[in-house]
């Protein structure tokens, strides 16, 4: 199964594509869609078209997107919601099933604790997918969302207790959210 993870943002939208083969996760690609510093409709269009290109190129079976959280600034929250709407529209236009996860859920599934910082998420994404270097923060968050979706099919309870994750180029086992080997 090919899973596309999306971390929506008005300036930068992260995306990450992984393949799931049972408990095995394999990195395919990741990156960002940078929107031009233009009017809001042009930015929305750039997000929609950028994700449409990613979908056409990698043909995901399922998609996962991060839920919007409420910022201190309501205007920022509204703008983020519009970027997220553009991303969801690009996904559903292709007939793809879309699952939504909070940042807390993606961090819990990837790092093992919901209050992890971005550098911890980057490091665990690197380890879980056997990447040669750290992905950028937006791409890392999108990959974490895809990993969360892959793990959710097995249930968060089994992930936290003993579910093994084997990455391309090596193996990692997790117990209670910690890498043990």
N, C-alpha and C. Protein backbone atom coordinates (compact mmCIF):
# COMPACT_ATOMS: atom_id res chain seq x y z
N UNK A 1 0.84 -1.17 0.00
CA UNK A 1 0.00 0.00 0.00
C UNK A 1 0.89 1.24 0.00
N UNK A 2 0.55 2.21 -0.82
CA UNK A 2 1.28 3.48 -0.87
C UNK A 2 0.46 4.52 -0.12
N UNK A 3 1.13 5.21 0.82
CA UNK A 3 0.46 6.21 1.66
C UNK A 3 1.11 7.56 1.44
N UNK A 4 0.28 8.56 1.19
CA UNK A 4 0.72 9.95 1.06
C UNK A 4 0.35 10.69 2.34
N UNK A 5 1.34 11.26 3.00
CA UNK A 5 1.11 12.10 4.18
C UNK A 5 1.24 13.55 3.79
N UNK A 6 0.40 14.41 4.36
CA UNK A 6 0.40 15.84 4.03
C UNK A 6 0.42 16.66 5.32
N UNK A 7 1.33 17.62 5.37
CA UNK A 7 1.39 18.61 6.45
C UNK A 7 1.04 19.95 5.82
N UNK A 8 -0.24 20.37 5.92
CA UNK A 8 -0.66 21.58 5.20
C UNK A 8 -0.10 22.86 5.81
N UNK A 9 0.18 23.79 4.94
CA UNK A 9 0.63 25.12 5.35
C UNK A 9 0.39 26.08 4.21
N UNK A 10 0.12 27.33 4.52
CA UNK A 10 -0.16 28.29 3.47
C UNK A 10 1.10 28.68 2.70
N UNK A 11 2.21 28.81 3.40
CA UNK A 11 3.48 29.13 2.72
C UNK A 11 4.19 27.88 2.24
N UNK A 12 4.20 26.85 3.08
CA UNK A 12 4.89 25.60 2.76
C UNK A 12 4.00 24.43 3.17
N UNK A 13 3.70 23.57 2.21
CA UNK A 13 2.96 22.34 2.47
C UNK A 13 3.91 21.17 2.29
N UNK A 14 4.07 20.38 3.34
CA UNK A 14 4.95 19.23 3.26
C UNK A 14 4.20 18.01 2.75
N UNK A 15 4.92 17.13 2.04
CA UNK A 15 4.34 15.86 1.62
C UNK A 15 5.37 14.76 1.80
N UNK A 16 4.88 13.57 2.04
CA UNK A 16 5.76 12.41 2.19
C UNK A 16 5.04 11.17 1.71
N UNK A 17 5.74 10.35 0.95
CA UNK A 17 5.15 9.12 0.40
C UNK A 17 5.95 7.94 0.93
N UNK A 18 5.22 6.96 1.48
CA UNK A 18 5.84 5.73 1.96
C UNK A 18 5.07 4.54 1.40
N UNK A 19 5.71 3.40 1.38
CA UNK A 19 5.03 2.14 1.05
C UNK A 19 4.98 1.30 2.30
N UNK A 20 3.84 0.66 2.51
CA UNK A 20 3.68 -0.25 3.64
C UNK A 20 3.52 -1.66 3.12
N UNK A 21 4.37 -2.55 3.60
CA UNK A 21 4.30 -3.97 3.27
C UNK A 21 4.19 -4.71 4.61
N UNK A 22 2.98 -4.94 5.09
CA UNK A 22 2.79 -5.50 6.42
C UNK A 22 3.29 -4.51 7.46
N UNK A 23 4.25 -4.94 8.28
CA UNK A 23 4.86 -4.04 9.27
C UNK A 23 6.03 -3.26 8.71
N UNK A 24 6.42 -3.54 7.50
CA UNK A 24 7.57 -2.90 6.89
C UNK A 24 7.19 -1.58 6.22
N UNK A 25 7.92 -0.52 6.54
CA UNK A 25 7.71 0.79 5.94
C UNK A 25 8.91 1.14 5.08
N UNK A 26 8.64 1.58 3.86
CA UNK A 26 9.71 1.92 2.92
C UNK A 26 9.49 3.35 2.44
N UNK A 27 10.53 4.15 2.53
CA UNK A 27 10.50 5.54 2.05
C UNK A 27 10.43 5.56 0.53
N UNK A 28 9.56 6.41 -0.02
CA UNK A 28 9.48 6.60 -1.47
C UNK A 28 10.01 7.99 -1.82
N UNK A 29 9.41 9.03 -1.28
CA UNK A 29 9.84 10.40 -1.56
C UNK A 29 9.21 11.35 -0.55
N UNK A 30 9.74 12.55 -0.50
CA UNK A 30 9.15 13.61 0.33
C UNK A 30 9.63 14.94 -0.19
N UNK A 31 8.97 16.00 0.22
CA UNK A 31 9.36 17.34 -0.21
C UNK A 31 8.36 18.36 0.27
N UNK A 32 8.42 19.51 -0.34
CA UNK A 32 7.51 20.60 0.03
C UNK A 32 6.97 21.28 -1.22
N UNK A 33 5.83 21.87 -1.05
CA UNK A 33 5.22 22.72 -2.07
C UNK A 33 5.27 24.12 -1.50
N UNK A 34 6.07 24.96 -2.11
CA UNK A 34 6.18 26.36 -1.66
C UNK A 34 5.22 27.21 -2.49
N UNK A 35 4.41 28.00 -1.82
CA UNK A 35 3.46 28.84 -2.55
C UNK A 35 4.08 30.20 -2.84
N UNK A 36 3.71 30.79 -3.96
CA UNK A 36 4.24 32.12 -4.28
C UNK A 36 3.68 33.17 -3.32
N UNK A 37 4.44 34.20 -3.10
CA UNK A 37 3.97 35.28 -2.22
C UNK A 37 3.05 36.17 -3.05
N UNK A 38 1.86 35.65 -3.27
CA UNK A 38 0.83 36.33 -4.05
C UNK A 38 -0.47 36.35 -3.27
N UNK A 39 -1.54 36.64 -3.93
CA UNK A 39 -2.85 36.66 -3.29
C UNK A 39 -3.24 35.25 -2.84
N UNK A 40 -4.12 35.17 -1.87
CA UNK A 40 -4.56 33.90 -1.30
C UNK A 40 -5.05 32.92 -2.36
N UNK A 41 -5.88 33.33 -3.33
CA UNK A 41 -6.34 32.36 -4.33
C UNK A 41 -5.19 31.71 -5.12
N UNK A 42 -4.14 32.46 -5.39
CA UNK A 42 -2.98 31.90 -6.10
C UNK A 42 -2.23 30.89 -5.24
N UNK A 43 -2.16 31.14 -3.96
CA UNK A 43 -1.52 30.20 -3.04
C UNK A 43 -2.33 28.91 -2.93
N UNK A 44 -3.65 29.04 -2.83
CA UNK A 44 -4.53 27.88 -2.76
C UNK A 44 -4.38 27.04 -4.03
N UNK A 45 -4.33 27.71 -5.16
CA UNK A 45 -4.16 27.03 -6.45
C UNK A 45 -2.82 26.27 -6.49
N UNK A 46 -1.77 26.88 -5.98
CA UNK A 46 -0.44 26.25 -5.98
C UNK A 46 -0.44 24.98 -5.13
N UNK A 47 -1.11 25.01 -3.98
CA UNK A 47 -1.20 23.83 -3.12
C UNK A 47 -1.98 22.72 -3.84
N UNK A 48 -3.11 23.08 -4.40
CA UNK A 48 -3.95 22.11 -5.11
C UNK A 48 -3.18 21.48 -6.28
N UNK A 49 -2.56 22.30 -7.10
CA UNK A 49 -1.84 21.78 -8.27
C UNK A 49 -0.60 20.98 -7.85
N UNK A 50 0.12 21.44 -6.84
CA UNK A 50 1.31 20.74 -6.38
C UNK A 50 0.98 19.34 -5.87
N UNK A 51 -0.06 19.23 -5.04
CA UNK A 51 -0.45 17.91 -4.55
C UNK A 51 -1.02 17.04 -5.66
N UNK A 52 -1.71 17.65 -6.60
CA UNK A 52 -2.22 16.89 -7.74
C UNK A 52 -1.08 16.27 -8.54
N UNK A 53 0.03 16.99 -8.67
CA UNK A 53 1.21 16.44 -9.36
C UNK A 53 1.82 15.28 -8.58
N UNK A 54 1.92 15.43 -7.26
CA UNK A 54 2.47 14.36 -6.42
C UNK A 54 1.59 13.11 -6.56
N UNK A 55 0.29 13.29 -6.53
CA UNK A 55 -0.65 12.17 -6.66
C UNK A 55 -0.49 11.49 -8.02
N UNK A 56 -0.42 12.28 -9.07
CA UNK A 56 -0.29 11.72 -10.41
C UNK A 56 1.02 10.94 -10.56
N UNK A 57 2.06 11.40 -9.94
CA UNK A 57 3.37 10.77 -10.06
C UNK A 57 3.49 9.50 -9.23
N UNK A 58 2.95 9.50 -8.02
CA UNK A 58 3.18 8.38 -7.08
C UNK A 58 1.97 7.48 -6.85
N UNK A 59 0.81 7.87 -7.32
CA UNK A 59 -0.41 7.05 -7.24
C UNK A 59 -0.65 6.41 -5.86
N UNK A 60 -0.82 7.23 -4.83
CA UNK A 60 -1.06 6.66 -3.50
C UNK A 60 -2.40 5.94 -3.43
N UNK A 61 -2.47 4.97 -2.52
CA UNK A 61 -3.72 4.24 -2.27
C UNK A 61 -4.54 4.92 -1.18
N UNK A 62 -3.83 5.54 -0.23
CA UNK A 62 -4.48 6.21 0.89
C UNK A 62 -3.72 7.48 1.23
N UNK A 63 -4.42 8.40 1.88
CA UNK A 63 -3.80 9.66 2.26
C UNK A 63 -4.09 9.98 3.73
N UNK A 64 -3.14 10.65 4.35
CA UNK A 64 -3.29 11.10 5.73
C UNK A 64 -2.90 12.57 5.79
N UNK A 65 -3.67 13.35 6.50
CA UNK A 65 -3.40 14.79 6.60
C UNK A 65 -3.52 15.22 8.06
N UNK A 66 -2.68 16.17 8.41
CA UNK A 66 -2.71 16.67 9.78
C UNK A 66 -3.90 17.59 9.99
N UNK A 67 -4.57 17.41 11.14
CA UNK A 67 -5.70 18.28 11.50
C UNK A 67 -5.18 19.64 11.92
N UNK A 68 -6.02 20.64 11.71
CA UNK A 68 -5.68 22.01 12.10
C UNK A 68 -5.85 22.15 13.61
N UNK A 69 -4.89 22.81 14.23
CA UNK A 69 -5.02 23.16 15.63
C UNK A 69 -5.34 24.65 15.71
N UNK A 70 -5.89 25.08 16.81
CA UNK A 70 -6.26 26.48 16.97
C UNK A 70 -5.06 27.26 17.47
N UNK A 71 -4.65 28.23 16.68
CA UNK A 71 -3.54 29.11 17.06
C UNK A 71 -4.02 30.20 18.00
N UNK A 72 -3.07 30.92 18.57
CA UNK A 72 -3.40 32.09 19.37
C UNK A 72 -4.05 33.14 18.46
N UNK A 73 -3.57 33.21 17.21
CA UNK A 73 -4.09 34.16 16.23
C UNK A 73 -5.18 33.50 15.38
N UNK A 74 -6.44 33.91 15.54
CA UNK A 74 -7.53 33.31 14.78
C UNK A 74 -7.36 33.47 13.26
N UNK A 75 -6.78 34.57 12.83
CA UNK A 75 -6.56 34.78 11.39
C UNK A 75 -5.61 33.73 10.82
N UNK A 76 -4.57 33.39 11.55
CA UNK A 76 -3.63 32.35 11.11
C UNK A 76 -4.33 31.00 11.02
N UNK A 77 -5.20 30.72 11.98
CA UNK A 77 -5.94 29.46 11.97
C UNK A 77 -6.84 29.38 10.75
N UNK A 78 -7.51 30.47 10.42
CA UNK A 78 -8.38 30.49 9.25
C UNK A 78 -7.59 30.28 7.96
N UNK A 79 -6.45 30.93 7.85
CA UNK A 79 -5.62 30.77 6.65
C UNK A 79 -5.10 29.34 6.53
N UNK A 80 -4.67 28.76 7.64
CA UNK A 80 -4.21 27.38 7.63
C UNK A 80 -5.34 26.44 7.23
N UNK A 81 -6.54 26.73 7.70
CA UNK A 81 -7.71 25.93 7.33
C UNK A 81 -7.99 25.97 5.84
N UNK A 82 -7.75 27.12 5.23
CA UNK A 82 -7.95 27.23 3.79
C UNK A 82 -6.89 26.44 3.02
N UNK A 83 -5.67 26.47 3.50
CA UNK A 83 -4.61 25.67 2.86
C UNK A 83 -4.93 24.18 3.00
N UNK A 84 -5.40 23.79 4.17
CA UNK A 84 -5.77 22.41 4.41
C UNK A 84 -6.93 21.99 3.51
N UNK A 85 -7.89 22.89 3.32
CA UNK A 85 -9.02 22.63 2.43
C UNK A 85 -8.57 22.39 1.00
N UNK A 86 -7.61 23.18 0.54
CA UNK A 86 -7.07 23.00 -0.81
C UNK A 86 -6.40 21.64 -0.94
N UNK A 87 -5.67 21.24 0.09
CA UNK A 87 -4.99 19.95 0.08
C UNK A 87 -6.02 18.81 0.05
N UNK A 88 -7.02 18.89 0.90
CA UNK A 88 -8.05 17.85 0.93
C UNK A 88 -8.78 17.78 -0.40
N UNK A 89 -9.07 18.93 -1.00
CA UNK A 89 -9.76 18.95 -2.29
C UNK A 89 -8.94 18.23 -3.36
N UNK A 90 -7.62 18.44 -3.35
CA UNK A 90 -6.76 17.76 -4.33
C UNK A 90 -6.79 16.25 -4.12
N UNK A 91 -6.85 15.81 -2.86
CA UNK A 91 -6.86 14.39 -2.55
C UNK A 91 -8.18 13.74 -2.94
N UNK A 92 -9.29 14.35 -2.54
CA UNK A 92 -10.59 13.74 -2.81
C UNK A 92 -10.98 13.84 -4.28
N UNK A 93 -10.44 14.82 -4.98
CA UNK A 93 -10.74 14.93 -6.41
C UNK A 93 -10.25 13.69 -7.15
N UNK A 94 -9.19 13.08 -6.64
CA UNK A 94 -8.64 11.87 -7.24
C UNK A 94 -9.29 10.60 -6.68
N UNK A 95 -10.32 10.77 -5.84
CA UNK A 95 -11.04 9.64 -5.29
C UNK A 95 -10.29 8.91 -4.20
N UNK A 96 -9.34 9.58 -3.56
CA UNK A 96 -8.53 8.94 -2.53
C UNK A 96 -9.18 9.03 -1.15
N UNK A 97 -9.09 7.95 -0.37
CA UNK A 97 -9.57 8.05 1.01
C UNK A 97 -8.61 8.90 1.84
N UNK A 98 -9.16 9.76 2.66
CA UNK A 98 -8.36 10.68 3.46
C UNK A 98 -8.63 10.45 4.94
N UNK A 99 -7.57 10.22 5.70
CA UNK A 99 -7.66 10.10 7.15
C UNK A 99 -7.00 11.31 7.77
N UNK A 100 -7.53 11.73 8.92
CA UNK A 100 -7.01 12.91 9.58
C UNK A 100 -6.44 12.55 10.95
N UNK A 101 -5.30 13.17 11.27
CA UNK A 101 -4.63 12.90 12.54
C UNK A 101 -4.17 14.21 13.15
N UNK A 102 -4.25 14.30 14.47
CA UNK A 102 -3.74 15.48 15.16
C UNK A 102 -2.22 15.39 15.23
N UNK A 103 -1.60 16.51 15.50
CA UNK A 103 -0.14 16.52 15.69
C UNK A 103 0.24 15.61 16.86
N UNK A 104 -0.58 15.59 17.89
CA UNK A 104 -0.34 14.72 19.04
C UNK A 104 -0.33 13.25 18.62
N UNK A 105 -1.27 12.84 17.79
CA UNK A 105 -1.33 11.45 17.32
C UNK A 105 -0.11 11.09 16.46
N UNK A 106 0.28 11.99 15.57
CA UNK A 106 1.43 11.68 14.71
C UNK A 106 2.71 11.59 15.52
N UNK A 107 2.87 12.46 16.50
CA UNK A 107 4.06 12.40 17.35
C UNK A 107 4.06 11.14 18.20
N UNK A 108 2.91 10.78 18.72
CA UNK A 108 2.80 9.57 19.53
C UNK A 108 3.16 8.34 18.70
N UNK A 109 2.66 8.26 17.47
CA UNK A 109 2.92 7.10 16.61
C UNK A 109 4.36 7.05 16.14
N UNK A 110 5.00 8.19 15.99
CA UNK A 110 6.35 8.24 15.44
C UNK A 110 7.43 8.23 16.53
N UNK A 111 7.26 9.07 17.52
CA UNK A 111 8.28 9.24 18.55
C UNK A 111 7.95 8.44 19.82
N UNK A 112 6.66 8.27 20.08
CA UNK A 112 6.27 7.56 21.29
C UNK A 112 5.76 8.48 22.37
N UNK A 113 5.79 9.77 22.11
CA UNK A 113 5.21 10.72 23.06
C UNK A 113 4.67 11.92 22.30
N UNK A 114 3.48 12.35 22.69
CA UNK A 114 2.77 13.39 21.97
C UNK A 114 3.34 14.78 22.09
N UNK A 115 4.20 15.00 23.07
CA UNK A 115 4.77 16.34 23.27
C UNK A 115 6.18 16.46 22.68
N UNK A 116 6.54 15.56 21.77
CA UNK A 116 7.87 15.58 21.16
C UNK A 116 8.07 16.87 20.36
N UNK A 117 9.31 17.34 20.29
CA UNK A 117 9.58 18.51 19.48
C UNK A 117 9.93 18.09 18.05
N UNK A 118 10.03 19.09 17.17
CA UNK A 118 10.25 18.81 15.74
C UNK A 118 11.55 18.05 15.48
N UNK A 119 12.59 18.33 16.23
CA UNK A 119 13.86 17.64 16.00
C UNK A 119 13.75 16.16 16.36
N UNK A 120 12.95 15.84 17.38
CA UNK A 120 12.74 14.44 17.74
C UNK A 120 11.95 13.71 16.66
N UNK A 121 10.95 14.39 16.10
CA UNK A 121 10.17 13.80 15.01
C UNK A 121 11.07 13.56 13.81
N UNK A 122 11.89 14.54 13.46
CA UNK A 122 12.81 14.37 12.33
C UNK A 122 13.73 13.17 12.53
N UNK A 123 14.29 13.05 13.71
CA UNK A 123 15.22 11.95 14.00
C UNK A 123 14.53 10.59 13.91
N UNK A 124 13.33 10.48 14.46
CA UNK A 124 12.63 9.20 14.42
C UNK A 124 12.17 8.86 13.01
N UNK A 125 11.74 9.84 12.23
CA UNK A 125 11.37 9.59 10.83
C UNK A 125 12.60 9.08 10.08
N UNK A 126 13.74 9.72 10.33
CA UNK A 126 14.99 9.27 9.71
C UNK A 126 15.28 7.82 10.06
N UNK A 127 15.15 7.47 11.33
CA UNK A 127 15.44 6.10 11.78
C UNK A 127 14.43 5.09 11.25
N UNK A 128 13.14 5.41 11.38
CA UNK A 128 12.10 4.47 10.97
C UNK A 128 12.13 4.17 9.47
N UNK A 129 12.55 5.16 8.68
CA UNK A 129 12.57 4.97 7.23
C UNK A 129 13.98 4.77 6.68
N UNK A 130 14.96 4.63 7.57
CA UNK A 130 16.36 4.40 7.20
C UNK A 130 16.86 5.43 6.19
N UNK A 131 16.61 6.70 6.49
CA UNK A 131 17.04 7.78 5.60
C UNK A 131 18.50 8.14 5.89
N UNK A 132 19.23 8.57 4.87
CA UNK A 132 20.64 8.92 5.09
C UNK A 132 20.83 10.23 5.85
N UNK A 133 19.81 11.09 5.86
CA UNK A 133 19.91 12.36 6.56
C UNK A 133 18.54 12.77 7.08
N UNK A 134 18.52 13.87 7.82
CA UNK A 134 17.26 14.37 8.36
C UNK A 134 16.44 15.04 7.27
N UNK A 135 15.16 14.70 7.15
CA UNK A 135 14.31 15.44 6.22
C UNK A 135 14.00 16.81 6.80
N UNK A 136 13.61 17.75 5.97
CA UNK A 136 13.19 19.06 6.45
C UNK A 136 11.99 18.93 7.36
N UNK A 137 11.71 19.95 8.16
CA UNK A 137 10.65 19.84 9.16
C UNK A 137 9.27 19.61 8.55
N UNK A 138 8.94 20.28 7.45
CA UNK A 138 7.62 20.12 6.86
C UNK A 138 7.48 18.75 6.21
N UNK A 139 8.50 18.30 5.51
CA UNK A 139 8.49 16.96 4.92
C UNK A 139 8.48 15.90 6.01
N UNK A 140 9.22 16.13 7.08
CA UNK A 140 9.26 15.19 8.20
C UNK A 140 7.89 15.05 8.85
N UNK A 141 7.20 16.15 9.04
CA UNK A 141 5.86 16.11 9.62
C UNK A 141 4.89 15.35 8.71
N UNK A 142 5.03 15.52 7.40
CA UNK A 142 4.18 14.80 6.46
C UNK A 142 4.48 13.30 6.48
N UNK A 143 5.76 12.95 6.53
CA UNK A 143 6.15 11.54 6.64
C UNK A 143 5.64 10.94 7.95
N UNK A 144 5.71 11.71 9.03
CA UNK A 144 5.21 11.24 10.32
C UNK A 144 3.71 10.98 10.25
N UNK A 145 2.99 11.80 9.52
CA UNK A 145 1.56 11.61 9.35
C UNK A 145 1.29 10.32 8.58
N UNK A 146 2.09 10.05 7.55
CA UNK A 146 1.95 8.81 6.79
C UNK A 146 2.28 7.60 7.67
N UNK A 147 3.34 7.72 8.48
CA UNK A 147 3.72 6.64 9.40
C UNK A 147 2.59 6.39 10.41
N UNK A 148 2.01 7.46 10.93
CA UNK A 148 0.89 7.35 11.87
C UNK A 148 -0.25 6.58 11.22
N UNK A 149 -0.54 6.88 9.98
CA UNK A 149 -1.62 6.19 9.28
C UNK A 149 -1.29 4.71 9.10
N UNK A 150 -0.06 4.43 8.74
CA UNK A 150 0.36 3.03 8.59
C UNK A 150 0.20 2.28 9.90
N UNK A 151 0.57 2.90 10.99
CA UNK A 151 0.47 2.27 12.30
C UNK A 151 -0.98 2.15 12.77
N UNK A 152 -1.82 3.08 12.37
CA UNK A 152 -3.20 3.06 12.85
C UNK A 152 -3.95 1.84 12.35
N UNK A 153 -3.54 1.28 11.24
CA UNK A 153 -4.22 0.08 10.75
C UNK A 153 -3.96 -1.11 11.66
N UNK A 154 -2.90 -1.04 12.46
CA UNK A 154 -2.60 -2.10 13.43
C UNK A 154 -3.07 -1.71 14.83
N UNK A 155 -3.51 -0.47 14.98
CA UNK A 155 -3.98 0.01 16.28
C UNK A 155 -2.85 0.61 17.09
N UNK A 156 -3.12 1.72 17.75
CA UNK A 156 -2.10 2.38 18.55
C UNK A 156 -1.68 1.53 19.74
N UNK A 157 -2.56 0.68 20.23
CA UNK A 157 -2.19 -0.14 21.38
C UNK A 157 -1.07 -1.11 21.03
N UNK A 158 -1.16 -1.75 19.87
CA UNK A 158 -0.11 -2.70 19.51
C UNK A 158 1.19 -1.97 19.18
N UNK A 159 1.09 -0.76 18.64
CA UNK A 159 2.30 0.01 18.36
C UNK A 159 3.04 0.33 19.65
N UNK A 160 2.31 0.75 20.66
CA UNK A 160 2.94 1.15 21.91
C UNK A 160 3.52 -0.04 22.68
N UNK A 161 2.95 -1.22 22.47
CA UNK A 161 3.43 -2.35 23.27
C UNK A 161 4.54 -3.15 22.61
N UNK A 162 4.39 -3.58 21.35
CA UNK A 162 5.41 -4.48 20.83
C UNK A 162 5.50 -4.57 19.31
N UNK A 163 4.76 -3.82 18.56
CA UNK A 163 4.74 -3.97 17.12
C UNK A 163 6.08 -3.60 16.49
N UNK A 164 6.71 -4.53 15.74
CA UNK A 164 7.99 -4.22 15.12
C UNK A 164 7.81 -3.37 13.87
N UNK A 165 8.76 -2.52 13.60
CA UNK A 165 8.79 -1.74 12.37
C UNK A 165 10.13 -2.02 11.70
N UNK A 166 10.10 -2.50 10.49
CA UNK A 166 11.34 -2.80 9.79
C UNK A 166 11.46 -1.82 8.64
N UNK A 167 12.55 -1.09 8.60
CA UNK A 167 12.75 -0.09 7.56
C UNK A 167 13.74 -0.59 6.53
N UNK A 168 13.63 -0.07 5.31
CA UNK A 168 14.54 -0.42 4.23
C UNK A 168 15.98 -0.13 4.64
N UNK A 169 16.86 -1.08 4.41
CA UNK A 169 18.27 -0.86 4.70
C UNK A 169 18.65 -1.18 6.14
N UNK A 170 17.75 -1.68 6.93
CA UNK A 170 18.08 -1.99 8.32
C UNK A 170 16.82 -2.38 9.05
N UNK A 171 16.94 -2.55 10.32
CA UNK A 171 15.74 -2.89 11.07
C UNK A 171 15.73 -2.13 12.39
N UNK A 172 14.56 -1.78 12.80
CA UNK A 172 14.35 -1.11 14.07
C UNK A 172 13.19 -1.81 14.75
N UNK A 173 13.30 -2.01 16.01
CA UNK A 173 12.17 -2.53 16.78
C UNK A 173 11.80 -1.48 17.80
N UNK A 174 10.51 -1.39 18.05
CA UNK A 174 10.04 -0.41 19.02
C UNK A 174 9.31 -1.13 20.14
N UNK A 175 9.52 -0.67 21.34
CA UNK A 175 8.75 -1.14 22.48
C UNK A 175 8.38 0.08 23.28
N UNK A 176 7.09 0.22 23.52
CA UNK A 176 6.57 1.36 24.26
C UNK A 176 7.07 2.69 23.68
N UNK A 177 7.10 2.74 22.31
CA UNK A 177 7.46 3.98 21.65
C UNK A 177 8.94 4.27 21.61
N UNK A 178 9.80 3.34 22.05
CA UNK A 178 11.24 3.59 22.05
C UNK A 178 11.94 2.61 21.14
N UNK A 179 12.95 3.07 20.44
CA UNK A 179 13.75 2.20 19.61
C UNK A 179 14.58 1.31 20.52
N UNK A 180 14.54 0.00 20.29
CA UNK A 180 15.29 -0.91 21.17
C UNK A 180 16.34 -1.71 20.42
N UNK A 181 16.51 -1.50 19.15
CA UNK A 181 17.54 -2.27 18.47
C UNK A 181 17.71 -1.91 17.05
